[in-house]
Amino acid sequence: MNTNHIWETYHQDVKQFLLSRIKNEEIVNDVLQDTFIKIHTKLDSLQDHKKLKSWVFTIARNTMLDFFRTNKISAEFKEHDTQIEEEPSNHNEKDCLYGIIKRLPKKYRDPLFLADIKGKKQAEVAEQLKLALPTAKSRIQRARKLIAQGYMECCDYKMNQKGHLIGEVKTKEDCKICN
């Protein structure tokens, strides 16, 4: 099971779900993207693959509620819409990754999302975003560097001589991105 497969299977249904509650398609697309970033970063926490669909929609619902809270928008939900499954309280690299990706400027986040999460080829990314291929490639590479830099700022990771990040994730309370 990978993120691309989940995207192909559920993205239309999740988008319809979000459109039924958010009437602005641009906002829906942003929430949908954030949802699949969370799915990608937390995929290994899914314990029962039989519950994949409900897990995906729980993440979508929580991401939408986060959007409303962040933007101080009130929304009326039916009782069953606000029921959420408990998420594990462990703090790990993927929690930081989600926060780092979310903070990337949109011009870097979108190409990265399409290439690394949806699995599109860089030429397809360039075409979809109406960018020149070198520009798309450059933005994807820059986004990856910004993610590495985010880990260094967030949890004090260091870059070793081979260009690999080394270090340990701090507790959630000490993490500069997740806290």
N, C-alpha and C. Protein backbone atom coordinates (compact mmCIF):
# COMPACT_ATOMS: atom_id res chain seq x y z
N MET A 1 0.84 -1.18 0.00
CA MET A 1 0.00 0.00 0.00
C MET A 1 0.89 1.24 0.00
N ASN A 2 0.70 2.11 -0.99
CA ASN A 2 1.47 3.35 -1.02
C ASN A 2 0.54 4.54 -1.23
N THR A 3 1.08 5.72 -1.06
CA THR A 3 0.28 6.95 -1.12
C THR A 3 -0.33 7.14 -2.50
N ASN A 4 0.41 6.80 -3.52
CA ASN A 4 -0.11 6.96 -4.88
C ASN A 4 -1.36 6.11 -5.08
N HIS A 5 -1.33 4.86 -4.59
CA HIS A 5 -2.49 3.98 -4.70
C HIS A 5 -3.68 4.56 -3.93
N ILE A 6 -3.42 5.07 -2.74
CA ILE A 6 -4.49 5.66 -1.92
C ILE A 6 -5.06 6.88 -2.63
N TRP A 7 -4.18 7.69 -3.22
CA TRP A 7 -4.62 8.87 -3.97
C TRP A 7 -5.54 8.46 -5.11
N GLU A 8 -5.09 7.51 -5.91
CA GLU A 8 -5.89 7.06 -7.05
C GLU A 8 -7.24 6.51 -6.62
N THR A 9 -7.26 5.82 -5.49
CA THR A 9 -8.48 5.18 -5.01
C THR A 9 -9.46 6.16 -4.38
N TYR A 10 -8.97 7.10 -3.60
CA TYR A 10 -9.86 7.90 -2.75
C TYR A 10 -9.89 9.40 -3.00
N HIS A 11 -8.99 9.96 -3.81
CA HIS A 11 -8.94 11.42 -3.86
C HIS A 11 -10.23 12.06 -4.36
N GLN A 12 -10.92 11.44 -5.31
CA GLN A 12 -12.18 12.02 -5.79
C GLN A 12 -13.25 12.00 -4.70
N ASP A 13 -13.33 10.88 -3.96
CA ASP A 13 -14.31 10.79 -2.88
C ASP A 13 -14.02 11.78 -1.77
N VAL A 14 -12.75 11.91 -1.42
CA VAL A 14 -12.37 12.86 -0.36
C VAL A 14 -12.66 14.28 -0.83
N LYS A 15 -12.37 14.58 -2.09
CA LYS A 15 -12.66 15.92 -2.61
C LYS A 15 -14.15 16.21 -2.55
N GLN A 16 -14.98 15.24 -2.93
CA GLN A 16 -16.43 15.43 -2.86
C GLN A 16 -16.88 15.65 -1.43
N PHE A 17 -16.31 14.89 -0.51
CA PHE A 17 -16.62 15.05 0.92
C PHE A 17 -16.29 16.47 1.36
N LEU A 18 -15.11 16.96 0.99
CA LEU A 18 -14.70 18.30 1.38
C LEU A 18 -15.56 19.38 0.71
N LEU A 19 -15.89 19.16 -0.57
CA LEU A 19 -16.73 20.12 -1.28
C LEU A 19 -18.13 20.21 -0.67
N SER A 20 -18.58 19.13 -0.06
CA SER A 20 -19.91 19.17 0.56
C SER A 20 -19.92 20.03 1.81
N ARG A 21 -18.74 20.34 2.34
CA ARG A 21 -18.65 21.12 3.57
C ARG A 21 -17.95 22.47 3.38
N ILE A 22 -17.11 22.55 2.35
CA ILE A 22 -16.39 23.79 2.04
C ILE A 22 -16.78 24.16 0.62
N LYS A 23 -17.31 25.31 0.43
CA LYS A 23 -17.84 25.68 -0.89
C LYS A 23 -16.81 26.33 -1.81
N ASN A 24 -15.62 26.59 -1.32
CA ASN A 24 -14.57 27.23 -2.11
C ASN A 24 -13.61 26.15 -2.61
N GLU A 25 -13.55 25.96 -3.93
CA GLU A 25 -12.75 24.87 -4.49
C GLU A 25 -11.24 25.06 -4.26
N GLU A 26 -10.76 26.29 -4.23
CA GLU A 26 -9.34 26.52 -3.94
C GLU A 26 -8.99 26.04 -2.53
N ILE A 27 -9.86 26.37 -1.59
CA ILE A 27 -9.64 25.93 -0.21
C ILE A 27 -9.72 24.41 -0.14
N VAL A 28 -10.69 23.83 -0.84
CA VAL A 28 -10.83 22.37 -0.87
C VAL A 28 -9.55 21.73 -1.39
N ASN A 29 -8.99 22.29 -2.46
CA ASN A 29 -7.75 21.72 -3.01
C ASN A 29 -6.60 21.81 -2.02
N ASP A 30 -6.52 22.91 -1.28
CA ASP A 30 -5.47 23.04 -0.26
C ASP A 30 -5.67 22.03 0.87
N VAL A 31 -6.91 21.88 1.32
CA VAL A 31 -7.19 20.92 2.40
C VAL A 31 -6.95 19.50 1.90
N LEU A 32 -7.32 19.23 0.65
CA LEU A 32 -7.08 17.90 0.06
C LEU A 32 -5.58 17.61 0.01
N GLN A 33 -4.79 18.60 -0.40
CA GLN A 33 -3.34 18.42 -0.44
C GLN A 33 -2.79 18.17 0.95
N ASP A 34 -3.21 18.96 1.92
CA ASP A 34 -2.75 18.76 3.30
C ASP A 34 -3.15 17.37 3.81
N THR A 35 -4.35 16.93 3.42
CA THR A 35 -4.82 15.61 3.83
C THR A 35 -3.88 14.52 3.32
N PHE A 36 -3.50 14.60 2.05
CA PHE A 36 -2.66 13.56 1.49
C PHE A 36 -1.20 13.67 1.93
N ILE A 37 -0.78 14.84 2.34
CA ILE A 37 0.54 14.96 2.96
C ILE A 37 0.52 14.21 4.29
N LYS A 38 -0.56 14.41 5.07
CA LYS A 38 -0.68 13.70 6.35
C LYS A 38 -0.76 12.20 6.12
N ILE A 39 -1.53 11.78 5.13
CA ILE A 39 -1.64 10.35 4.82
C ILE A 39 -0.27 9.79 4.49
N HIS A 40 0.48 10.52 3.66
CA HIS A 40 1.81 10.05 3.27
C HIS A 40 2.75 9.93 4.46
N THR A 41 2.70 10.92 5.34
CA THR A 41 3.63 10.92 6.47
C THR A 41 3.23 9.95 7.57
N LYS A 42 1.96 9.56 7.61
CA LYS A 42 1.49 8.71 8.70
C LYS A 42 1.05 7.32 8.23
N LEU A 43 1.36 6.99 6.98
CA LEU A 43 0.91 5.72 6.42
C LEU A 43 1.34 4.51 7.23
N ASP A 44 2.55 4.56 7.77
CA ASP A 44 3.03 3.41 8.54
C ASP A 44 2.32 3.27 9.89
N SER A 45 1.54 4.27 10.29
CA SER A 45 0.80 4.16 11.56
C SER A 45 -0.54 3.45 11.38
N LEU A 46 -0.95 3.22 10.13
CA LEU A 46 -2.19 2.49 9.87
C LEU A 46 -1.99 1.04 10.28
N GLN A 47 -2.75 0.60 11.27
CA GLN A 47 -2.56 -0.75 11.79
C GLN A 47 -3.44 -1.78 11.11
N ASP A 48 -4.64 -1.39 10.70
CA ASP A 48 -5.56 -2.33 10.08
C ASP A 48 -5.91 -1.82 8.69
N HIS A 49 -5.35 -2.45 7.67
CA HIS A 49 -5.57 -2.01 6.29
C HIS A 49 -7.02 -2.17 5.86
N LYS A 50 -7.80 -2.94 6.60
CA LYS A 50 -9.23 -3.08 6.31
C LYS A 50 -9.98 -1.79 6.62
N LYS A 51 -9.37 -0.94 7.45
CA LYS A 51 -10.00 0.32 7.85
C LYS A 51 -9.41 1.51 7.11
N LEU A 52 -8.78 1.24 5.97
CA LEU A 52 -8.10 2.30 5.23
C LEU A 52 -9.04 3.44 4.87
N LYS A 53 -10.21 3.13 4.34
CA LYS A 53 -11.13 4.19 3.90
C LYS A 53 -11.54 5.07 5.07
N SER A 54 -11.92 4.48 6.19
CA SER A 54 -12.33 5.31 7.33
C SER A 54 -11.15 6.11 7.87
N TRP A 55 -9.95 5.53 7.81
CA TRP A 55 -8.74 6.22 8.25
C TRP A 55 -8.49 7.44 7.37
N VAL A 56 -8.62 7.27 6.05
CA VAL A 56 -8.41 8.37 5.10
C VAL A 56 -9.43 9.49 5.37
N PHE A 57 -10.69 9.12 5.56
CA PHE A 57 -11.71 10.14 5.78
C PHE A 57 -11.58 10.79 7.15
N THR A 58 -11.08 10.06 8.12
CA THR A 58 -10.83 10.67 9.43
C THR A 58 -9.75 11.73 9.31
N ILE A 59 -8.70 11.42 8.56
CA ILE A 59 -7.63 12.40 8.35
C ILE A 59 -8.18 13.61 7.59
N ALA A 60 -9.01 13.37 6.58
CA ALA A 60 -9.60 14.48 5.82
C ALA A 60 -10.47 15.35 6.73
N ARG A 61 -11.29 14.72 7.55
CA ARG A 61 -12.17 15.47 8.46
C ARG A 61 -11.34 16.29 9.45
N ASN A 62 -10.30 15.67 10.02
CA ASN A 62 -9.45 16.38 10.98
C ASN A 62 -8.70 17.53 10.32
N THR A 63 -8.23 17.32 9.10
CA THR A 63 -7.53 18.37 8.38
C THR A 63 -8.47 19.54 8.09
N MET A 64 -9.70 19.22 7.73
CA MET A 64 -10.68 20.26 7.49
C MET A 64 -10.98 21.04 8.78
N LEU A 65 -11.15 20.33 9.87
CA LEU A 65 -11.40 20.99 11.16
C LEU A 65 -10.21 21.85 11.57
N ASP A 66 -8.98 21.36 11.31
CA ASP A 66 -7.78 22.15 11.58
C ASP A 66 -7.81 23.44 10.77
N PHE A 67 -8.22 23.32 9.51
CA PHE A 67 -8.31 24.50 8.66
C PHE A 67 -9.28 25.51 9.25
N PHE A 68 -10.45 25.04 9.68
CA PHE A 68 -11.45 25.94 10.26
C PHE A 68 -10.93 26.60 11.53
N ARG A 69 -10.27 25.80 12.36
CA ARG A 69 -9.72 26.35 13.61
C ARG A 69 -8.63 27.39 13.33
N THR A 70 -7.72 27.05 12.44
CA THR A 70 -6.61 27.94 12.11
C THR A 70 -7.10 29.26 11.54
N ASN A 71 -8.14 29.18 10.74
CA ASN A 71 -8.67 30.38 10.09
C ASN A 71 -9.85 30.98 10.83
N LYS A 72 -10.12 30.47 12.04
CA LYS A 72 -11.19 30.98 12.90
C LYS A 72 -12.53 31.03 12.17
N ILE A 73 -12.81 29.95 11.44
CA ILE A 73 -14.07 29.83 10.74
C ILE A 73 -14.92 28.84 11.52
N SER A 74 -16.14 29.21 11.80
CA SER A 74 -17.00 28.27 12.50
C SER A 74 -17.76 27.47 11.46
N ALA A 75 -18.02 26.24 11.79
CA ALA A 75 -18.76 25.37 10.89
C ALA A 75 -19.68 24.50 11.71
N GLU A 76 -20.82 24.21 11.16
CA GLU A 76 -21.75 23.32 11.84
C GLU A 76 -21.58 21.93 11.26
N PHE A 77 -21.39 20.97 12.14
CA PHE A 77 -21.22 19.59 11.72
C PHE A 77 -22.23 18.73 12.45
N LYS A 78 -22.65 17.69 11.79
CA LYS A 78 -23.51 16.72 12.45
C LYS A 78 -22.67 15.95 13.45
N GLU A 79 -23.31 15.35 14.41
CA GLU A 79 -22.64 14.62 15.48
C GLU A 79 -21.63 13.62 14.92
N HIS A 80 -22.04 12.83 13.90
CA HIS A 80 -21.13 11.79 13.40
C HIS A 80 -19.94 12.38 12.65
N ASP A 81 -20.04 13.63 12.19
CA ASP A 81 -18.91 14.25 11.49
C ASP A 81 -17.77 14.62 12.41
N THR A 82 -18.05 14.81 13.68
CA THR A 82 -17.00 15.26 14.58
C THR A 82 -16.38 14.13 15.37
N GLN A 83 -16.87 12.91 15.19
CA GLN A 83 -16.26 11.79 15.88
C GLN A 83 -14.94 11.47 15.21
N ILE A 84 -13.90 11.38 16.01
CA ILE A 84 -12.58 11.11 15.45
C ILE A 84 -11.96 9.95 16.20
N GLU A 85 -11.10 9.23 15.48
CA GLU A 85 -10.37 8.15 16.11
C GLU A 85 -9.16 8.73 16.82
N GLU A 86 -8.79 8.11 17.90
CA GLU A 86 -7.62 8.58 18.63
C GLU A 86 -6.37 8.33 17.80
N GLU A 87 -5.53 9.34 17.68
CA GLU A 87 -4.26 9.17 17.00
C GLU A 87 -3.19 8.85 18.04
N PRO A 88 -2.21 8.04 17.67
CA PRO A 88 -1.16 7.75 18.63
C PRO A 88 -0.45 9.03 19.04
N SER A 89 -0.05 9.10 20.30
CA SER A 89 0.56 10.32 20.81
C SER A 89 2.08 10.32 20.62
N ASN A 90 2.62 9.29 19.99
CA ASN A 90 4.07 9.26 19.76
C ASN A 90 4.45 10.38 18.81
N HIS A 91 5.58 10.99 19.06
CA HIS A 91 6.08 12.06 18.20
C HIS A 91 7.27 11.49 17.44
N ASN A 92 7.24 11.60 16.11
CA ASN A 92 8.33 11.05 15.33
C ASN A 92 8.69 11.97 14.16
N GLU A 93 9.63 11.51 13.33
CA GLU A 93 10.11 12.31 12.21
C GLU A 93 8.99 12.72 11.26
N LYS A 94 8.02 11.85 11.10
CA LYS A 94 6.95 12.13 10.16
C LYS A 94 6.05 13.26 10.66
N ASP A 95 5.90 13.38 11.97
CA ASP A 95 5.14 14.51 12.51
C ASP A 95 5.85 15.81 12.14
N CYS A 96 7.16 15.82 12.31
CA CYS A 96 7.94 17.01 11.95
C CYS A 96 7.86 17.26 10.44
N LEU A 97 7.94 16.20 9.66
CA LEU A 97 7.89 16.34 8.20
C LEU A 97 6.60 17.01 7.77
N TYR A 98 5.49 16.60 8.35
CA TYR A 98 4.21 17.22 7.99
C TYR A 98 4.27 18.73 8.28
N GLY A 99 4.75 19.10 9.46
CA GLY A 99 4.84 20.51 9.81
C GLY A 99 5.78 21.28 8.90
N ILE A 100 6.89 20.65 8.53
CA ILE A 100 7.87 21.30 7.66
C ILE A 100 7.27 21.51 6.26
N ILE A 101 6.63 20.48 5.73
CA ILE A 101 6.03 20.59 4.39
C ILE A 101 4.93 21.65 4.40
N LYS A 102 4.13 21.65 5.44
CA LYS A 102 3.02 22.61 5.53
C LYS A 102 3.54 24.05 5.53
N ARG A 103 4.72 24.28 6.06
CA ARG A 103 5.28 25.62 6.14
C ARG A 103 6.05 26.04 4.88
N LEU A 104 6.24 25.11 3.94
CA LEU A 104 6.93 25.47 2.70
C LEU A 104 6.10 26.48 1.92
N PRO A 105 6.75 27.41 1.25
CA PRO A 105 5.99 28.30 0.36
C PRO A 105 5.27 27.46 -0.70
N LYS A 106 4.09 27.89 -1.09
CA LYS A 106 3.25 27.14 -2.03
C LYS A 106 4.00 26.81 -3.33
N LYS A 107 4.86 27.72 -3.78
CA LYS A 107 5.56 27.47 -5.05
C LYS A 107 6.52 26.28 -4.94
N TYR A 108 6.94 25.92 -3.73
CA TYR A 108 7.78 24.73 -3.54
C TYR A 108 6.94 23.53 -3.09
N ARG A 109 5.94 23.79 -2.27
CA ARG A 109 5.11 22.70 -1.72
C ARG A 109 4.35 21.96 -2.82
N ASP A 110 3.76 22.70 -3.77
CA ASP A 110 2.96 22.05 -4.80
C ASP A 110 3.78 21.11 -5.69
N PRO A 111 4.92 21.55 -6.23
CA PRO A 111 5.70 20.62 -7.05
C PRO A 111 6.20 19.41 -6.25
N LEU A 112 6.60 19.65 -4.99
CA LEU A 112 7.06 18.55 -4.14
C LEU A 112 5.93 17.55 -3.91
N PHE A 113 4.74 18.06 -3.61
CA PHE A 113 3.58 17.21 -3.39
C PHE A 113 3.30 16.34 -4.62
N LEU A 114 3.29 16.95 -5.78
CA LEU A 114 2.99 16.20 -7.00
C LEU A 114 4.07 15.16 -7.30
N ALA A 115 5.34 15.52 -7.10
CA ALA A 115 6.43 14.62 -7.45
C ALA A 115 6.64 13.53 -6.40
N ASP A 116 6.74 13.92 -5.14
CA ASP A 116 7.15 12.96 -4.11
C ASP A 116 6.00 12.26 -3.41
N ILE A 117 4.82 12.84 -3.41
CA ILE A 117 3.70 12.20 -2.74
C ILE A 117 2.76 11.55 -3.74
N LYS A 118 2.44 12.26 -4.82
CA LYS A 118 1.58 11.66 -5.83
C LYS A 118 2.36 10.79 -6.82
N GLY A 119 3.70 10.91 -6.81
CA GLY A 119 4.53 10.05 -7.65
C GLY A 119 4.57 10.43 -9.11
N LYS A 120 4.27 11.68 -9.42
CA LYS A 120 4.31 12.11 -10.83
C LYS A 120 5.75 12.36 -11.26
N LYS A 121 6.00 12.17 -12.53
CA LYS A 121 7.31 12.48 -13.10
C LYS A 121 7.45 14.01 -13.14
N GLN A 122 8.69 14.47 -13.09
CA GLN A 122 8.93 15.91 -13.05
C GLN A 122 8.37 16.62 -14.28
N ALA A 123 8.40 15.96 -15.44
CA ALA A 123 7.83 16.56 -16.65
C ALA A 123 6.31 16.74 -16.50
N GLU A 124 5.65 15.77 -15.87
CA GLU A 124 4.22 15.89 -15.62
C GLU A 124 3.92 17.02 -14.63
N VAL A 125 4.79 17.15 -13.63
CA VAL A 125 4.64 18.22 -12.65
C VAL A 125 4.73 19.57 -13.35
N ALA A 126 5.74 19.71 -14.20
CA ALA A 126 5.93 20.96 -14.92
C ALA A 126 4.71 21.28 -15.78
N GLU A 127 4.21 20.27 -16.48
CA GLU A 127 3.05 20.47 -17.34
C GLU A 127 1.82 20.86 -16.52
N GLN A 128 1.57 20.14 -15.43
CA GLN A 128 0.39 20.40 -14.62
C GLN A 128 0.42 21.79 -13.99
N LEU A 129 1.61 22.23 -13.55
CA LEU A 129 1.74 23.54 -12.91
C LEU A 129 2.06 24.65 -13.90
N LYS A 130 2.12 24.28 -15.18
CA LYS A 130 2.42 25.24 -16.24
C LYS A 130 3.75 25.96 -15.99
N LEU A 131 4.77 25.14 -15.70
CA LEU A 131 6.12 25.65 -15.47
C LEU A 131 7.05 25.06 -16.52
N ALA A 132 8.15 25.74 -16.75
CA ALA A 132 9.20 25.16 -17.58
C ALA A 132 9.80 23.98 -16.79
N LEU A 133 10.22 22.94 -17.49
CA LEU A 133 10.76 21.75 -16.83
C LEU A 133 11.93 22.10 -15.90
N PRO A 134 12.90 22.92 -16.32
CA PRO A 134 13.99 23.25 -15.39
C PRO A 134 13.47 23.96 -14.12
N THR A 135 12.45 24.78 -14.27
CA THR A 135 11.88 25.47 -13.11
C THR A 135 11.25 24.48 -12.15
N ALA A 136 10.49 23.53 -12.69
CA ALA A 136 9.85 22.51 -11.85
C ALA A 136 10.91 21.68 -11.13
N LYS A 137 11.93 21.26 -11.84
CA LYS A 137 13.00 20.47 -11.23
C LYS A 137 13.69 21.26 -10.12
N SER A 138 13.96 22.52 -10.41
CA SER A 138 14.62 23.38 -9.43
C SER A 138 13.76 23.55 -8.17
N ARG A 139 12.48 23.73 -8.35
CA ARG A 139 11.60 23.92 -7.19
C ARG A 139 11.48 22.64 -6.35
N ILE A 140 11.45 21.51 -7.01
CA ILE A 140 11.40 20.24 -6.28
C ILE A 140 12.68 20.07 -5.46
N GLN A 141 13.82 20.32 -6.09
CA GLN A 141 15.10 20.19 -5.38
C GLN A 141 15.19 21.20 -4.24
N ARG A 142 14.74 22.42 -4.49
CA ARG A 142 14.76 23.44 -3.44
C ARG A 142 13.85 23.03 -2.28
N ALA A 143 12.70 22.48 -2.59
CA ALA A 143 11.78 22.03 -1.53
C ALA A 143 12.44 20.94 -0.69
N ARG A 144 13.13 20.02 -1.33
CA ARG A 144 13.81 18.96 -0.58
C ARG A 144 14.89 19.53 0.33
N LYS A 145 15.61 20.53 -0.16
CA LYS A 145 16.63 21.17 0.67
C LYS A 145 15.99 21.92 1.84
N LEU A 146 14.85 22.54 1.58
CA LEU A 146 14.15 23.26 2.65
C LEU A 146 13.64 22.28 3.71
N ILE A 147 13.28 21.08 3.30
CA ILE A 147 12.85 20.07 4.27
C ILE A 147 14.02 19.67 5.15
N ALA A 148 15.17 19.44 4.54
CA ALA A 148 16.37 19.11 5.33
C ALA A 148 16.70 20.25 6.28
N GLN A 149 16.63 21.47 5.78
CA GLN A 149 16.89 22.64 6.63
C GLN A 149 15.85 22.72 7.75
N GLY A 150 14.62 22.37 7.45
CA GLY A 150 13.57 22.36 8.46
C GLY A 150 13.87 21.41 9.59
N TYR A 151 14.38 20.22 9.26
CA TYR A 151 14.77 19.26 10.30
C TYR A 151 15.91 19.80 11.15
N MET A 152 16.83 20.50 10.51
CA MET A 152 17.96 21.06 11.27
C MET A 152 17.47 22.15 12.22
N GLU A 153 16.49 22.94 11.79
CA GLU A 153 15.96 24.00 12.65
C GLU A 153 15.00 23.43 13.70
N CYS A 154 14.21 22.45 13.30
CA CYS A 154 13.18 21.91 14.18
C CYS A 154 13.77 21.07 15.31
N CYS A 155 14.55 20.12 14.96
CA CYS A 155 15.03 19.14 15.95
C CYS A 155 16.55 19.09 16.05
N ASP A 156 17.21 20.14 15.57
CA ASP A 156 18.66 20.24 15.65
C ASP A 156 19.40 19.08 14.99
N TYR A 157 18.87 18.58 13.88
CA TYR A 157 19.58 17.58 13.11
C TYR A 157 20.83 18.22 12.54
N LYS A 158 21.78 17.40 12.17
CA LYS A 158 23.02 17.87 11.54
C LYS A 158 23.16 17.14 10.21
N MET A 159 23.91 17.74 9.29
CA MET A 159 24.18 17.13 8.01
C MET A 159 25.57 16.49 8.10
N ASN A 160 25.66 15.17 7.83
CA ASN A 160 26.98 14.53 7.89
C ASN A 160 27.74 14.77 6.58
N GLN A 161 28.94 14.24 6.48
CA GLN A 161 29.80 14.49 5.31
C GLN A 161 29.21 13.92 4.03
N LYS A 162 28.37 12.91 4.16
CA LYS A 162 27.75 12.31 2.97
C LYS A 162 26.47 13.04 2.57
N GLY A 163 26.11 14.08 3.30
CA GLY A 163 24.91 14.84 2.97
C GLY A 163 23.64 14.24 3.55
N HIS A 164 23.77 13.36 4.54
CA HIS A 164 22.62 12.74 5.17
C HIS A 164 22.33 13.43 6.50
N LEU A 165 21.06 13.56 6.81
CA LEU A 165 20.68 14.13 8.10
C LEU A 165 20.91 13.12 9.20
N ILE A 166 21.47 13.57 10.29
CA ILE A 166 21.65 12.69 11.45
C ILE A 166 21.14 13.42 12.69
N GLY A 167 20.63 12.66 13.60
CA GLY A 167 20.12 13.24 14.84
C GLY A 167 18.92 12.46 15.32
N GLU A 168 18.32 12.95 16.37
CA GLU A 168 17.14 12.32 16.93
C GLU A 168 16.05 13.35 17.08
N VAL A 169 14.84 12.88 16.92
CA VAL A 169 13.69 13.75 17.07
C VAL A 169 13.55 14.13 18.53
N LYS A 170 13.28 15.39 18.77
CA LYS A 170 13.04 15.86 20.13
C LYS A 170 11.63 15.45 20.55
N THR A 171 11.36 15.62 21.82
CA THR A 171 9.99 15.40 22.27
C THR A 171 9.11 16.46 21.64
N LYS A 172 7.82 16.21 21.58
CA LYS A 172 6.91 17.15 20.95
C LYS A 172 6.97 18.52 21.62
N GLU A 173 7.16 18.53 22.92
CA GLU A 173 7.22 19.80 23.65
C GLU A 173 8.46 20.62 23.28
N ASP A 174 9.56 19.93 22.92
CA ASP A 174 10.80 20.63 22.58
C ASP A 174 10.92 20.91 21.07
N CYS A 175 10.06 20.33 20.30
CA CYS A 175 10.11 20.49 18.85
C CYS A 175 9.61 21.88 18.46
N LYS A 176 10.38 22.57 17.65
CA LYS A 176 10.03 23.94 17.27
C LYS A 176 8.94 23.98 16.20
N ILE A 177 8.77 22.92 15.45
CA ILE A 177 7.76 22.88 14.38
C ILE A 177 6.43 22.33 14.92
N CYS A 178 6.49 21.24 15.65
CA CYS A 178 5.27 20.54 16.06
C CYS A 178 4.59 21.14 17.29
N ASN A 179 5.32 21.91 18.05
CA ASN A 179 4.75 22.45 19.29
C ASN A 179 4.08 23.78 19.04
